[in-house]
Amino acid sequence: MEPIVLPANQPADRFYAGGRRIVEFRGSGWPASHEPEDWVGSTTAVLGHAPDGLTVLPDDSLLRDAVAADPVAWLGEDHVAAFGDDPALLVKLLDAGQRLPVHAHPDVPFAAEHLGLAHGKTEAWVVLEPATVHLGFARDVGADELAAWVRDQAYDAMLEAMHTLDLAAGDAVLVPAGLPHAIGEGALVVEVQEPTDLSILMEWASFAIDGAADGHLGLGFDVALRAVDRRGWTVEEIAHLRGATAADTGDLLPDAAPFFRVERWRGGRSVDPGFAVLVAVDGAGQLVAADATVPLRRGRTVLLPAAAGPVTLEGDDLHVLVCRPPAPPRTGTSHVSRTLT
């Protein structure tokens, strides 16, 4: 198996604006006003709109089906032993053409209990273009207060109660499941996450979606809002979520390891084998595998099957992100719980 260059995979008619920056980053395509996400190497469908979001391979088959048919070749023996044929990873390019609404995602226990799913949606952002974001409440918020904000669509009150961060290009931020957040207008990020499309909307008044009907995962807000972390986070705790900066290489977010891994590399080097999604952030060069050489430039995305083996990056000014599923446990150990506290 060889590395596979992936074209853009942008689900149409999302409820918020964006898409131009993805087209500019990739250097190809036509911008659309409501295609703000590019689902890269995806075996996850848009909730309620399958097959939207699923990656189509060059032979017109779905990556989801190819992995299910030969999981060891795609994911590796150790991964399959630990996680079965679940790639346990979703990578997106996200262009916020407008500020995203305040929302949160359920964690693993909530998703298992209420939705029968193995994954929640812890995520992380690696910033490509600077942006302001809102992340976590700065004070404790009561259940009744939050429910009233949602009922009255009092998004100004929500935003005032949240931490505000100004992120620079190259920053990496971990967003634990449950933590309310809103990405600001102008952001372009590589979003690495658990492989679900689960969002609980707390704001929708200015967006093209019926949040009262579609914002609670079919659970009703009395249940869905229990997944929201209402605790007041300190400045220091929020700062800890903001991990690597542009100068850092290697593992950018060690605390994300129970859910996924994201590495940043510059210049020439070897890359360990294993299922991964590579995003070329800047520069130019090539990826060399045993049986193939893939040219790399800014905006190119490449799917790395485990059976492709180790690969080598060549190019002095090359800058890439390598996004991986969680590492399988070592022999004789149990895998770390996929829950953040």
C-alpha atoms as a PDB file:
ATOM      1  CA  MET A   1       0.000   0.000   0.000  1.00  0.00           C
ATOM      2  CA  GLU A   2       1.180   3.502  -0.822  1.00  0.00           C
ATOM      3  CA  PRO A   3       0.527   6.956   0.630  1.00  0.00           C
ATOM      4  CA  ILE A   4      -2.595   8.512  -0.917  1.00  0.00           C
ATOM      5  CA  VAL A   5      -2.951  12.195  -1.785  1.00  0.00           C
ATOM      6  CA  LEU A   6      -6.432  13.327  -0.786  1.00  0.00           C
ATOM      7  CA  PRO A   7      -8.401  16.062  -2.552  1.00  0.00           C
ATOM      8  CA  ALA A   8     -10.682  18.410  -0.639  1.00  0.00           C
ATOM      9  CA  ASN A   9     -13.734  16.778   0.954  1.00  0.00           C
ATOM     10  CA  GLN A  10     -15.997  19.673   1.943  1.00  0.00           C
ATOM     11  CA  PRO A  11     -19.574  18.837   2.952  1.00  0.00           C
ATOM     12  CA  ALA A  12     -21.941  21.377   1.429  1.00  0.00           C
ATOM     13  CA  ASP A  13     -24.499  23.643   3.082  1.00  0.00           C
ATOM     14  CA  ARG A  14     -23.133  23.727   6.610  1.00  0.00           C
ATOM     15  CA  PHE A  15     -24.948  26.101   8.931  1.00  0.00           C
ATOM     16  CA  TYR A  16     -22.072  28.578   9.278  1.00  0.00           C
ATOM     17  CA  ALA A  17     -20.048  30.469   6.677  1.00  0.00           C
ATOM     18  CA  GLY A  18     -16.539  29.696   5.476  1.00  0.00           C
ATOM     19  CA  GLY A  19     -14.529  27.872   2.828  1.00  0.00           C
ATOM     20  CA  ARG A  20     -12.478  30.570   1.109  1.00  0.00           C
ATOM     21  CA  ARG A  21      -9.416  30.026   3.299  1.00  0.00           C
ATOM     22  CA  ILE A  22      -9.493  26.274   2.694  1.00  0.00           C
ATOM     23  CA  VAL A  23      -9.437  26.865  -1.059  1.00  0.00           C
ATOM     24  CA  GLU A  24      -6.593  29.359  -0.689  1.00  0.00           C
ATOM     25  CA  PHE A  25      -4.652  26.998   1.582  1.00  0.00           C
ATOM     26  CA  ARG A  26      -5.041  24.082  -0.799  1.00  0.00           C
ATOM     27  CA  GLY A  27      -4.423  26.209  -3.872  1.00  0.00           C
ATOM     28  CA  SER A  28      -7.258  24.590  -5.804  1.00  0.00           C
ATOM     29  CA  GLY A  29     -11.025  24.464  -6.032  1.00  0.00           C
ATOM     30  CA  TRP A  30     -13.774  27.048  -5.983  1.00  0.00           C
ATOM     31  CA  PRO A  31     -14.769  28.826  -2.778  1.00  0.00           C
ATOM     32  CA  ALA A  32     -18.317  28.335  -1.543  1.00  0.00           C
ATOM     33  CA  SER A  33     -19.878  30.390   1.219  1.00  0.00           C
ATOM     34  CA  HIS A  34     -20.969  27.461   3.402  1.00  0.00           C
ATOM     35  CA  GLU A  35     -18.303  24.770   2.946  1.00  0.00           C
ATOM     36  CA  PRO A  36     -16.178  25.679   5.971  1.00  0.00           C
ATOM     37  CA  GLU A  37     -14.870  22.166   6.738  1.00  0.00           C
ATOM     38  CA  ASP A  38     -12.639  19.740   4.865  1.00  0.00           C
ATOM     39  CA  TRP A  39     -12.924  16.229   6.336  1.00  0.00           C
ATOM     40  CA  VAL A  40      -9.531  14.601   5.718  1.00  0.00           C
ATOM     41  CA  GLY A  41      -9.101  10.820   5.769  1.00  0.00           C
ATOM     42  CA  SER A  42     -12.579  10.462   7.233  1.00  0.00           C
ATOM     43  CA  THR A  43     -14.438   7.281   8.123  1.00  0.00           C
ATOM     44  CA  THR A  44     -17.038   9.460   9.891  1.00  0.00           C
ATOM     45  CA  ALA A  45     -20.182  10.774   8.226  1.00  0.00           C
ATOM     46  CA  VAL A  46     -21.924  14.069   8.906  1.00  0.00           C
ATOM     47  CA  LEU A  47     -24.519  13.318  11.567  1.00  0.00           C
ATOM     48  CA  GLY A  48     -27.810  12.537   9.863  1.00  0.00           C
ATOM     49  CA  HIS A  49     -26.418  13.157   6.371  1.00  0.00           C
ATOM     50  CA  ALA A  50     -24.393  10.075   5.395  1.00  0.00           C
ATOM     51  CA  PRO A  51     -22.448   9.621   3.167  1.00  0.00           C
ATOM     52  CA  ASP A  52     -21.468  13.323   3.433  1.00  0.00           C
ATOM     53  CA  GLY A  53     -18.112  13.632   5.171  1.00  0.00           C
ATOM     54  CA  LEU A  54     -16.820  10.176   4.231  1.00  0.00           C
ATOM     55  CA  THR A  55     -13.522  10.099   2.319  1.00  0.00           C
ATOM     56  CA  VAL A  56     -13.677   8.609  -1.170  1.00  0.00           C
ATOM     57  CA  LEU A  57     -10.483   6.874  -2.324  1.00  0.00           C
ATOM     58  CA  PRO A  58      -9.055   7.151  -5.860  1.00  0.00           C
ATOM     59  CA  ASP A  59     -10.770   3.882  -6.866  1.00  0.00           C
ATOM     60  CA  ASP A  60     -14.149   5.422  -5.830  1.00  0.00           C
ATOM     61  CA  SER A  61     -14.474   3.183  -2.789  1.00  0.00           C
ATOM     62  CA  LEU A  62     -15.077   4.638   0.673  1.00  0.00           C
ATOM     63  CA  LEU A  63     -12.132   4.688   3.055  1.00  0.00           C
ATOM     64  CA  ARG A  64     -14.532   3.396   5.733  1.00  0.00           C
ATOM     65  CA  ASP A  65     -15.246   0.263   3.677  1.00  0.00           C
ATOM     66  CA  ALA A  66     -11.600  -0.267   2.715  1.00  0.00           C
ATOM     67  CA  VAL A  67     -10.508  -0.148   6.360  1.00  0.00           C
ATOM     68  CA  ALA A  68     -13.247  -2.580   7.383  1.00  0.00           C
ATOM     69  CA  ALA A  69     -12.167  -4.993   4.636  1.00  0.00           C
ATOM     70  CA  ASP A  70      -8.453  -4.978   5.585  1.00  0.00           C
ATOM     71  CA  PRO A  71      -7.966  -3.314   8.952  1.00  0.00           C
ATOM     72  CA  VAL A  72      -4.470  -4.659   9.594  1.00  0.00           C
ATOM     73  CA  ALA A  73      -3.089  -3.210   6.369  1.00  0.00           C
ATOM     74  CA  TRP A  74      -4.644   0.179   7.036  1.00  0.00           C
ATOM     75  CA  LEU A  75      -4.281   0.443  10.794  1.00  0.00           C
ATOM     76  CA  GLY A  76      -1.569  -2.021  11.820  1.00  0.00           C
ATOM     77  CA  GLU A  77      -1.680  -5.164  13.951  1.00  0.00           C
ATOM     78  CA  ASP A  78      -1.187  -3.410  17.295  1.00  0.00           C
ATOM     79  CA  HIS A  79      -3.934  -0.886  16.585  1.00  0.00           C
ATOM     80  CA  VAL A  80      -6.393  -3.598  15.540  1.00  0.00           C
ATOM     81  CA  ALA A  81      -5.571  -5.632  18.638  1.00  0.00           C
ATOM     82  CA  ALA A  82      -6.376  -2.619  20.813  1.00  0.00           C
ATOM     83  CA  PHE A  83      -9.205  -0.885  18.932  1.00  0.00           C
ATOM     84  CA  GLY A  84     -10.493  -3.288  16.276  1.00  0.00           C
ATOM     85  CA  ASP A  85     -11.200  -1.791  12.863  1.00  0.00           C
ATOM     86  CA  ASP A  86     -11.960   1.647  14.332  1.00  0.00           C
ATOM     87  CA  PRO A  87      -9.404   4.198  13.040  1.00  0.00           C
ATOM     88  CA  ALA A  88     -10.237   6.296  16.147  1.00  0.00           C
ATOM     89  CA  LEU A  89      -9.337   9.545  14.369  1.00  0.00           C
ATOM     90  CA  LEU A  90     -10.928  12.396  12.434  1.00  0.00           C
ATOM     91  CA  VAL A  91      -8.966  15.306  10.970  1.00  0.00           C
ATOM     92  CA  LYS A  92     -10.520  18.459   9.520  1.00  0.00           C
ATOM     93  CA  LEU A  93      -9.483  21.748   8.051  1.00  0.00           C
ATOM     94  CA  LEU A  94     -11.834  24.366   9.493  1.00  0.00           C
ATOM     95  CA  ASP A  95     -12.305  27.898   8.145  1.00  0.00           C
ATOM     96  CA  ALA A  96     -14.480  30.113  10.322  1.00  0.00           C
ATOM     97  CA  GLY A  97     -16.011  32.562   7.883  1.00  0.00           C
ATOM     98  CA  GLN A  98     -17.994  33.841  10.857  1.00  0.00           C
ATOM     99  CA  ARG A  99     -17.716  33.292  14.597  1.00  0.00           C
ATOM    100  CA  LEU A 100     -18.924  29.816  15.378  1.00  0.00           C
ATOM    101  CA  PRO A 101     -21.764  29.478  17.906  1.00  0.00           C
ATOM    102  CA  VAL A 102     -21.117  28.593  21.519  1.00  0.00           C
ATOM    103  CA  HIS A 103     -21.300  24.819  21.716  1.00  0.00           C
ATOM    104  CA  ALA A 104     -19.842  21.763  23.435  1.00  0.00           C
ATOM    105  CA  HIS A 105     -19.302  18.074  22.729  1.00  0.00           C
ATOM    106  CA  PRO A 106     -20.129  15.049  24.898  1.00  0.00           C
ATOM    107  CA  ASP A 107     -17.394  12.968  26.488  1.00  0.00           C
ATOM    108  CA  VAL A 108     -16.970   9.207  26.181  1.00  0.00           C
ATOM    109  CA  PRO A 109     -19.104   8.187  29.196  1.00  0.00           C
ATOM    110  CA  PHE A 110     -21.970  10.487  28.159  1.00  0.00           C
ATOM    111  CA  ALA A 111     -21.842   9.279  24.539  1.00  0.00           C
ATOM    112  CA  ALA A 112     -21.813   5.663  25.677  1.00  0.00           C
ATOM    113  CA  GLU A 113     -24.720   6.069  28.110  1.00  0.00           C
ATOM    114  CA  HIS A 114     -27.025   8.248  26.037  1.00  0.00           C
ATOM    115  CA  LEU A 115     -26.023   7.570  22.412  1.00  0.00           C
ATOM    116  CA  GLY A 116     -24.557   4.062  22.470  1.00  0.00           C
ATOM    117  CA  LEU A 117     -21.284   5.255  20.957  1.00  0.00           C
ATOM    118  CA  ALA A 118     -17.673   4.395  21.745  1.00  0.00           C
ATOM    119  CA  HIS A 119     -16.404   7.941  21.202  1.00  0.00           C
ATOM    120  CA  GLY A 120     -17.241  11.376  22.481  1.00  0.00           C
ATOM    121  CA  LYS A 121     -15.615  14.384  20.899  1.00  0.00           C
ATOM    122  CA  THR A 122     -12.498  15.697  22.540  1.00  0.00           C
ATOM    123  CA  GLU A 123     -10.729  17.803  19.923  1.00  0.00           C
ATOM    124  CA  ALA A 124      -7.667  19.970  19.390  1.00  0.00           C
ATOM    125  CA  TRP A 125      -6.830  22.934  17.188  1.00  0.00           C
ATOM    126  CA  VAL A 126      -3.538  23.642  15.485  1.00  0.00           C
ATOM    127  CA  VAL A 127      -3.836  27.227  14.300  1.00  0.00           C
ATOM    128  CA  LEU A 128      -2.829  28.172  10.747  1.00  0.00           C
ATOM    129  CA  GLU A 129      -4.177  31.740  10.757  1.00  0.00           C
ATOM    130  CA  PRO A 130      -4.501  33.841  13.952  1.00  0.00           C
ATOM    131  CA  ALA A 131      -7.862  33.994  15.665  1.00  0.00           C
ATOM    132  CA  THR A 132      -9.715  34.876  18.822  1.00  0.00           C
ATOM    133  CA  VAL A 133     -11.514  32.004  20.532  1.00  0.00           C
ATOM    134  CA  HIS A 134     -13.764  31.599  23.563  1.00  0.00           C
ATOM    135  CA  LEU A 135     -12.965  28.579  25.710  1.00  0.00           C
ATOM    136  CA  GLY A 136     -14.490  27.414  28.993  1.00  0.00           C
ATOM    137  CA  PHE A 137     -16.421  29.307  31.631  1.00  0.00           C
ATOM    138  CA  ALA A 138     -14.408  31.637  33.865  1.00  0.00           C
ATOM    139  CA  ARG A 139     -16.837  31.099  36.774  1.00  0.00           C
ATOM    140  CA  ASP A 140     -19.157  28.377  37.888  1.00  0.00           C
ATOM    141  CA  VAL A 141     -22.422  28.465  35.954  1.00  0.00           C
ATOM    142  CA  GLY A 142     -25.528  26.944  37.483  1.00  0.00           C
ATOM    143  CA  ALA A 143     -27.621  24.407  35.599  1.00  0.00           C
ATOM    144  CA  ASP A 144     -30.664  26.679  35.690  1.00  0.00           C
ATOM    145  CA  GLU A 145     -28.610  29.660  34.533  1.00  0.00           C
ATOM    146  CA  LEU A 146     -27.221  27.748  31.562  1.00  0.00           C
ATOM    147  CA  ALA A 147     -30.670  26.407  30.637  1.00  0.00           C
ATOM    148  CA  ALA A 148     -32.069  29.957  30.735  1.00  0.00           C
ATOM    149  CA  TRP A 149     -29.264  31.262  28.526  1.00  0.00           C
ATOM    150  CA  VAL A 150     -30.006  28.550  25.975  1.00  0.00           C
ATOM    151  CA  ARG A 151     -33.765  29.048  26.162  1.00  0.00           C
ATOM    152  CA  ASP A 152     -33.468  32.839  25.744  1.00  0.00           C
ATOM    153  CA  GLN A 153     -30.514  32.619  23.314  1.00  0.00           C
ATOM    154  CA  ALA A 154     -28.562  34.969  25.584  1.00  0.00           C
ATOM    155  CA  TYR A 155     -25.279  34.404  23.760  1.00  0.00           C
ATOM    156  CA  ASP A 156     -23.785  37.712  24.946  1.00  0.00           C
ATOM    157  CA  ALA A 157     -24.078  36.457  28.529  1.00  0.00           C
ATOM    158  CA  MET A 158     -22.472  33.155  27.557  1.00  0.00           C
ATOM    159  CA  LEU A 159     -19.539  34.846  25.863  1.00  0.00           C
ATOM    160  CA  GLU A 160     -19.038  37.255  28.764  1.00  0.00           C
ATOM    161  CA  ALA A 161     -18.775  34.287  31.127  1.00  0.00           C
ATOM    162  CA  MET A 162     -16.072  32.578  29.024  1.00  0.00           C
ATOM    163  CA  HIS A 163     -12.315  32.920  28.748  1.00  0.00           C
ATOM    164  CA  THR A 164     -11.125  34.738  25.621  1.00  0.00           C
ATOM    165  CA  LEU A 165      -7.841  33.713  23.988  1.00  0.00           C
ATOM    166  CA  ASP A 166      -5.945  35.340  21.153  1.00  0.00           C
ATOM    167  CA  LEU A 167      -4.241  32.538  19.275  1.00  0.00           C
ATOM    168  CA  ALA A 168      -1.230  32.941  17.001  1.00  0.00           C
ATOM    169  CA  ALA A 169      -0.345  30.850  13.968  1.00  0.00           C
ATOM    170  CA  GLY A 170       1.314  27.678  15.194  1.00  0.00           C
ATOM    171  CA  ASP A 171      -0.457  27.513  18.552  1.00  0.00           C
ATOM    172  CA  ALA A 172      -1.952  24.162  19.564  1.00  0.00           C
ATOM    173  CA  VAL A 173      -4.928  23.973  21.914  1.00  0.00           C
ATOM    174  CA  LEU A 174      -6.605  20.952  23.494  1.00  0.00           C
ATOM    175  CA  VAL A 175     -10.392  21.206  23.890  1.00  0.00           C
ATOM    176  CA  PRO A 176     -11.650  18.504  26.261  1.00  0.00           C
ATOM    177  CA  ALA A 177     -15.126  17.130  25.640  1.00  0.00           C
ATOM    178  CA  GLY A 178     -17.733  19.071  27.575  1.00  0.00           C
ATOM    179  CA  LEU A 179     -15.847  22.365  27.537  1.00  0.00           C
ATOM    180  CA  PRO A 180     -17.956  25.140  25.908  1.00  0.00           C
ATOM    181  CA  HIS A 181     -16.166  26.956  23.109  1.00  0.00           C
ATOM    182  CA  ALA A 182     -16.592  29.202  20.088  1.00  0.00           C
ATOM    183  CA  ILE A 183     -13.977  29.749  17.370  1.00  0.00           C
ATOM    184  CA  GLY A 184     -13.732  33.340  16.174  1.00  0.00           C
ATOM    185  CA  GLU A 185     -14.206  34.678  12.656  1.00  0.00           C
ATOM    186  CA  GLY A 186     -11.107  34.426  10.474  1.00  0.00           C
ATOM    187  CA  ALA A 187      -9.682  31.293  12.037  1.00  0.00           C
ATOM    188  CA  LEU A 188      -8.142  28.575   9.889  1.00  0.00           C
ATOM    189  CA  VAL A 189      -7.230  25.523  11.937  1.00  0.00           C
ATOM    190  CA  VAL A 190      -6.318  21.887  11.567  1.00  0.00           C
ATOM    191  CA  GLU A 191      -8.799  20.203  13.889  1.00  0.00           C
ATOM    192  CA  VAL A 192      -7.856  16.781  15.251  1.00  0.00           C
ATOM    193  CA  GLN A 193     -10.599  14.950  17.109  1.00  0.00           C
ATOM    194  CA  GLU A 194     -12.377  11.815  18.107  1.00  0.00           C
ATOM    195  CA  PRO A 195     -14.288  10.400  15.112  1.00  0.00           C
ATOM    196  CA  THR A 196     -17.812  11.677  15.744  1.00  0.00           C
ATOM    197  CA  ASP A 197     -20.015  14.572  14.625  1.00  0.00           C
ATOM    198  CA  LEU A 198     -21.611  15.264  18.011  1.00  0.00           C
ATOM    199  CA  SER A 199     -22.305  18.881  18.961  1.00  0.00           C
ATOM    200  CA  ILE A 200     -24.589  20.374  21.588  1.00  0.00           C
ATOM    201  CA  LEU A 201     -25.553  23.875  20.496  1.00  0.00           C
ATOM    202  CA  MET A 202     -26.058  26.527  23.129  1.00  0.00           C
ATOM    203  CA  GLU A 203     -26.326  29.302  20.544  1.00  0.00           C
ATOM    204  CA  TRP A 204     -28.061  29.329  17.165  1.00  0.00           C
ATOM    205  CA  ALA A 205     -30.083  32.539  16.859  1.00  0.00           C
ATOM    206  CA  SER A 206     -27.872  34.056  14.133  1.00  0.00           C
ATOM    207  CA  PHE A 207     -27.163  30.825  12.260  1.00  0.00           C
ATOM    208  CA  ALA A 208     -28.912  28.842   9.542  1.00  0.00           C
ATOM    209  CA  ILE A 209     -29.999  26.006  11.802  1.00  0.00           C
ATOM    210  CA  ASP A 210     -33.000  25.202  13.954  1.00  0.00           C
ATOM    211  CA  GLY A 211     -31.068  24.711  17.156  1.00  0.00           C
ATOM    212  CA  ALA A 212     -34.193  24.161  19.235  1.00  0.00           C
ATOM    213  CA  ALA A 213     -34.879  21.054  17.140  1.00  0.00           C
ATOM    214  CA  ASP A 214     -31.387  19.963  16.076  1.00  0.00           C
ATOM    215  CA  GLY A 215     -29.058  21.266  18.786  1.00  0.00           C
ATOM    216  CA  HIS A 216     -29.469  18.570  21.454  1.00  0.00           C
ATOM    217  CA  LEU A 217     -28.583  15.302  19.644  1.00  0.00           C
ATOM    218  CA  GLY A 218     -32.190  14.156  19.891  1.00  0.00           C
ATOM    219  CA  LEU A 219     -31.916  13.958  23.675  1.00  0.00           C
ATOM    220  CA  GLY A 220     -33.706  17.168  24.644  1.00  0.00           C
ATOM    221  CA  PHE A 221     -31.784  20.000  26.262  1.00  0.00           C
ATOM    222  CA  ASP A 222     -32.642  18.831  29.768  1.00  0.00           C
ATOM    223  CA  VAL A 223     -30.406  15.809  29.096  1.00  0.00           C
ATOM    224  CA  ALA A 224     -27.940  17.233  26.548  1.00  0.00           C
ATOM    225  CA  LEU A 225     -26.861  20.162  28.721  1.00  0.00           C
ATOM    226  CA  ARG A 226     -25.705  17.700  31.387  1.00  0.00           C
ATOM    227  CA  ALA A 227     -22.743  17.046  29.070  1.00  0.00           C
ATOM    228  CA  VAL A 228     -21.583  20.678  29.328  1.00  0.00           C
ATOM    229  CA  ASP A 229     -18.752  21.458  31.729  1.00  0.00           C
ATOM    230  CA  ARG A 230     -20.223  24.294  33.816  1.00  0.00           C
ATOM    231  CA  ARG A 231     -17.257  24.571  36.153  1.00  0.00           C
ATOM    232  CA  GLY A 232     -15.316  27.813  36.307  1.00  0.00           C
ATOM    233  CA  TRP A 233     -11.852  27.156  34.871  1.00  0.00           C
ATOM    234  CA  THR A 234      -8.937  29.203  36.169  1.00  0.00           C
ATOM    235  CA  VAL A 235      -6.679  31.208  33.875  1.00  0.00           C
ATOM    236  CA  GLU A 236      -3.894  28.737  34.667  1.00  0.00           C
ATOM    237  CA  GLU A 237      -6.018  25.731  33.710  1.00  0.00           C
ATOM    238  CA  ILE A 238      -6.974  27.287  30.393  1.00  0.00           C
ATOM    239  CA  ALA A 239      -3.346  28.232  29.764  1.00  0.00           C
ATOM    240  CA  HIS A 240      -2.387  24.582  30.282  1.00  0.00           C
ATOM    241  CA  LEU A 241      -4.748  23.564  27.469  1.00  0.00           C
ATOM    242  CA  ARG A 242      -2.878  25.974  25.229  1.00  0.00           C
ATOM    243  CA  GLY A 243       0.107  23.725  24.617  1.00  0.00           C
ATOM    244  CA  ALA A 244       2.677  24.163  21.885  1.00  0.00           C
ATOM    245  CA  THR A 245       3.536  27.377  20.071  1.00  0.00           C
ATOM    246  CA  ALA A 246       4.935  27.881  16.580  1.00  0.00           C
ATOM    247  CA  ALA A 247       8.498  27.177  17.721  1.00  0.00           C
ATOM    248  CA  ASP A 248       7.710  23.680  19.007  1.00  0.00           C
ATOM    249  CA  THR A 249       8.123  20.404  17.136  1.00  0.00           C
ATOM    250  CA  GLY A 250       7.386  16.803  17.994  1.00  0.00           C
ATOM    251  CA  ASP A 251       4.309  15.861  20.017  1.00  0.00           C
ATOM    252  CA  LEU A 252       2.349  19.108  20.320  1.00  0.00           C
ATOM    253  CA  LEU A 253      -0.245  18.002  22.884  1.00  0.00           C
ATOM    254  CA  PRO A 254       0.901  15.157  25.156  1.00  0.00           C
ATOM    255  CA  ASP A 255      -2.274  15.462  27.250  1.00  0.00           C
ATOM    256  CA  ALA A 256      -4.307  14.477  24.181  1.00  0.00           C
ATOM    257  CA  ALA A 257      -2.665  11.046  24.021  1.00  0.00           C
ATOM    258  CA  PRO A 258      -5.716   9.075  25.262  1.00  0.00           C
ATOM    259  CA  PHE A 259      -7.664  10.407  22.261  1.00  0.00           C
ATOM    260  CA  PHE A 260      -5.245  11.202  19.415  1.00  0.00           C
ATOM    261  CA  ARG A 261      -1.743  12.464  18.693  1.00  0.00           C
ATOM    262  CA  VAL A 262      -0.517  15.378  16.609  1.00  0.00           C
ATOM    263  CA  GLU A 263       3.120  15.905  15.672  1.00  0.00           C
ATOM    264  CA  ARG A 264       4.798  18.832  13.931  1.00  0.00           C
ATOM    265  CA  TRP A 265       7.947  18.332  11.878  1.00  0.00           C
ATOM    266  CA  ARG A 266      10.118  20.721   9.914  1.00  0.00           C
ATOM    267  CA  GLY A 267      12.743  19.845   7.320  1.00  0.00           C
ATOM    268  CA  GLY A 268      13.871  16.374   6.356  1.00  0.00           C
ATOM    269  CA  ARG A 269      13.339  13.434   8.699  1.00  0.00           C
ATOM    270  CA  SER A 270      11.920   9.942   8.928  1.00  0.00           C
ATOM    271  CA  VAL A 271       8.343   9.376  10.103  1.00  0.00           C
ATOM    272  CA  ASP A 272       7.345   6.291  12.064  1.00  0.00           C
ATOM    273  CA  PRO A 273       4.957   3.845  10.377  1.00  0.00           C
ATOM    274  CA  GLY A 274       1.308   3.666  11.289  1.00  0.00           C
ATOM    275  CA  PHE A 275      -2.043   5.003  10.175  1.00  0.00           C
ATOM    276  CA  ALA A 276      -1.846   8.802   9.943  1.00  0.00           C
ATOM    277  CA  VAL A 277      -3.093  11.895   8.144  1.00  0.00           C
ATOM    278  CA  LEU A 278      -0.342  14.278   7.030  1.00  0.00           C
ATOM    279  CA  VAL A 279      -1.079  17.962   6.373  1.00  0.00           C
ATOM    280  CA  ALA A 280       1.602  20.014   4.621  1.00  0.00           C
ATOM    281  CA  VAL A 281       1.419  23.391   6.334  1.00  0.00           C
ATOM    282  CA  ASP A 282       4.162  25.240   4.467  1.00  0.00           C
ATOM    283  CA  GLY A 283       7.167  24.891   2.203  1.00  0.00           C
ATOM    284  CA  ALA A 284       7.757  22.211  -0.386  1.00  0.00           C
ATOM    285  CA  GLY A 285       9.446  18.840  -0.666  1.00  0.00           C
ATOM    286  CA  GLN A 286       8.463  15.229  -0.983  1.00  0.00           C
ATOM    287  CA  LEU A 287       7.411  12.182   0.964  1.00  0.00           C
ATOM    288  CA  VAL A 288       9.337   9.044   0.084  1.00  0.00           C
ATOM    289  CA  ALA A 289       7.914   5.592   0.832  1.00  0.00           C
ATOM    290  CA  ALA A 290       9.205   2.177  -0.198  1.00  0.00           C
ATOM    291  CA  ASP A 291       7.220   2.117  -3.448  1.00  0.00           C
ATOM    292  CA  ALA A 292       6.215   5.739  -4.057  1.00  0.00           C
ATOM    293  CA  THR A 293       7.357   9.342  -3.940  1.00  0.00           C
ATOM    294  CA  VAL A 294       4.713  12.001  -3.240  1.00  0.00           C
ATOM    295  CA  PRO A 295       5.404  15.696  -3.928  1.00  0.00           C
ATOM    296  CA  LEU A 296       4.447  17.930  -1.006  1.00  0.00           C
ATOM    297  CA  ARG A 297       3.525  21.590  -0.931  1.00  0.00           C
ATOM    298  CA  ARG A 298       1.447  23.854   1.283  1.00  0.00           C
ATOM    299  CA  GLY A 299      -2.130  22.603   1.492  1.00  0.00           C
ATOM    300  CA  ARG A 300      -1.551  19.025   0.371  1.00  0.00           C
ATOM    301  CA  THR A 301      -3.043  16.275   2.541  1.00  0.00           C
ATOM    302  CA  VAL A 302      -1.808  12.676   2.466  1.00  0.00           C
ATOM    303  CA  LEU A 303      -3.273   9.506   3.969  1.00  0.00           C
ATOM    304  CA  LEU A 304      -0.634   7.124   5.329  1.00  0.00           C
ATOM    305  CA  PRO A 305      -1.744   3.474   5.676  1.00  0.00           C
ATOM    306  CA  ALA A 306       0.172   1.425   8.224  1.00  0.00           C
ATOM    307  CA  ALA A 307       1.262  -0.997   5.464  1.00  0.00           C
ATOM    308  CA  ALA A 308       3.079   1.818   3.687  1.00  0.00           C
ATOM    309  CA  GLY A 309       5.740   1.401   6.360  1.00  0.00           C
ATOM    310  CA  PRO A 310       8.140   4.124   7.468  1.00  0.00           C
ATOM    311  CA  VAL A 311       8.361   7.152   5.214  1.00  0.00           C
ATOM    312  CA  THR A 312      10.920   9.929   4.806  1.00  0.00           C
ATOM    313  CA  LEU A 313      10.257  13.645   4.474  1.00  0.00           C
ATOM    314  CA  GLU A 314      12.595  15.621   2.238  1.00  0.00           C
ATOM    315  CA  GLY A 315      12.700  19.417   1.926  1.00  0.00           C
ATOM    316  CA  ASP A 316      14.598  21.957   4.006  1.00  0.00           C
ATOM    317  CA  ASP A 317      11.640  24.347   4.335  1.00  0.00           C
ATOM    318  CA  LEU A 318       8.963  21.671   4.592  1.00  0.00           C
ATOM    319  CA  HIS A 319       6.539  22.052   7.539  1.00  0.00           C
ATOM    320  CA  VAL A 320       4.019  19.279   8.182  1.00  0.00           C
ATOM    321  CA  LEU A 321       1.554  18.056  10.782  1.00  0.00           C
ATOM    322  CA  VAL A 322       1.205  14.299  11.280  1.00  0.00           C
ATOM    323  CA  CYS A 323      -2.095  13.380  12.948  1.00  0.00           C
ATOM    324  CA  ARG A 324      -2.465   9.920  14.460  1.00  0.00           C
ATOM    325  CA  PRO A 325      -4.956   7.863  16.491  1.00  0.00           C
ATOM    326  CA  PRO A 326      -4.113   7.094  20.123  1.00  0.00           C
ATOM    327  CA  ALA A 327      -1.141   4.790  20.560  1.00  0.00           C
ATOM    328  CA  PRO A 328      -2.035   1.156  21.279  1.00  0.00           C
ATOM    329  CA  PRO A 329      -1.083   0.041  24.793  1.00  0.00           C
ATOM    330  CA  ARG A 330       2.217  -1.682  25.248  1.00  0.00           C
ATOM    331  CA  THR A 331       2.167  -5.438  25.764  1.00  0.00           C
ATOM    332  CA  GLY A 332       1.128  -6.269  29.288  1.00  0.00           C
ATOM    333  CA  THR A 333      -0.458  -2.900  30.010  1.00  0.00           C
ATOM    334  CA  SER A 334      -4.010  -1.631  29.775  1.00  0.00           C
ATOM    335  CA  HIS A 335      -4.894   1.321  27.609  1.00  0.00           C
ATOM    336  CA  VAL A 336      -5.345   4.656  29.348  1.00  0.00           C
ATOM    337  CA  SER A 337      -8.959   5.717  29.904  1.00  0.00           C
ATOM    338  CA  ARG A 338     -10.294   8.080  27.257  1.00  0.00           C
ATOM    339  CA  THR A 339     -11.639  10.539  29.817  1.00  0.00           C
ATOM    340  CA  LEU A 340     -10.154  13.869  30.832  1.00  0.00           C
ATOM    341  CA  THR A 341     -10.696  15.342  34.271  1.00  0.00           C
END
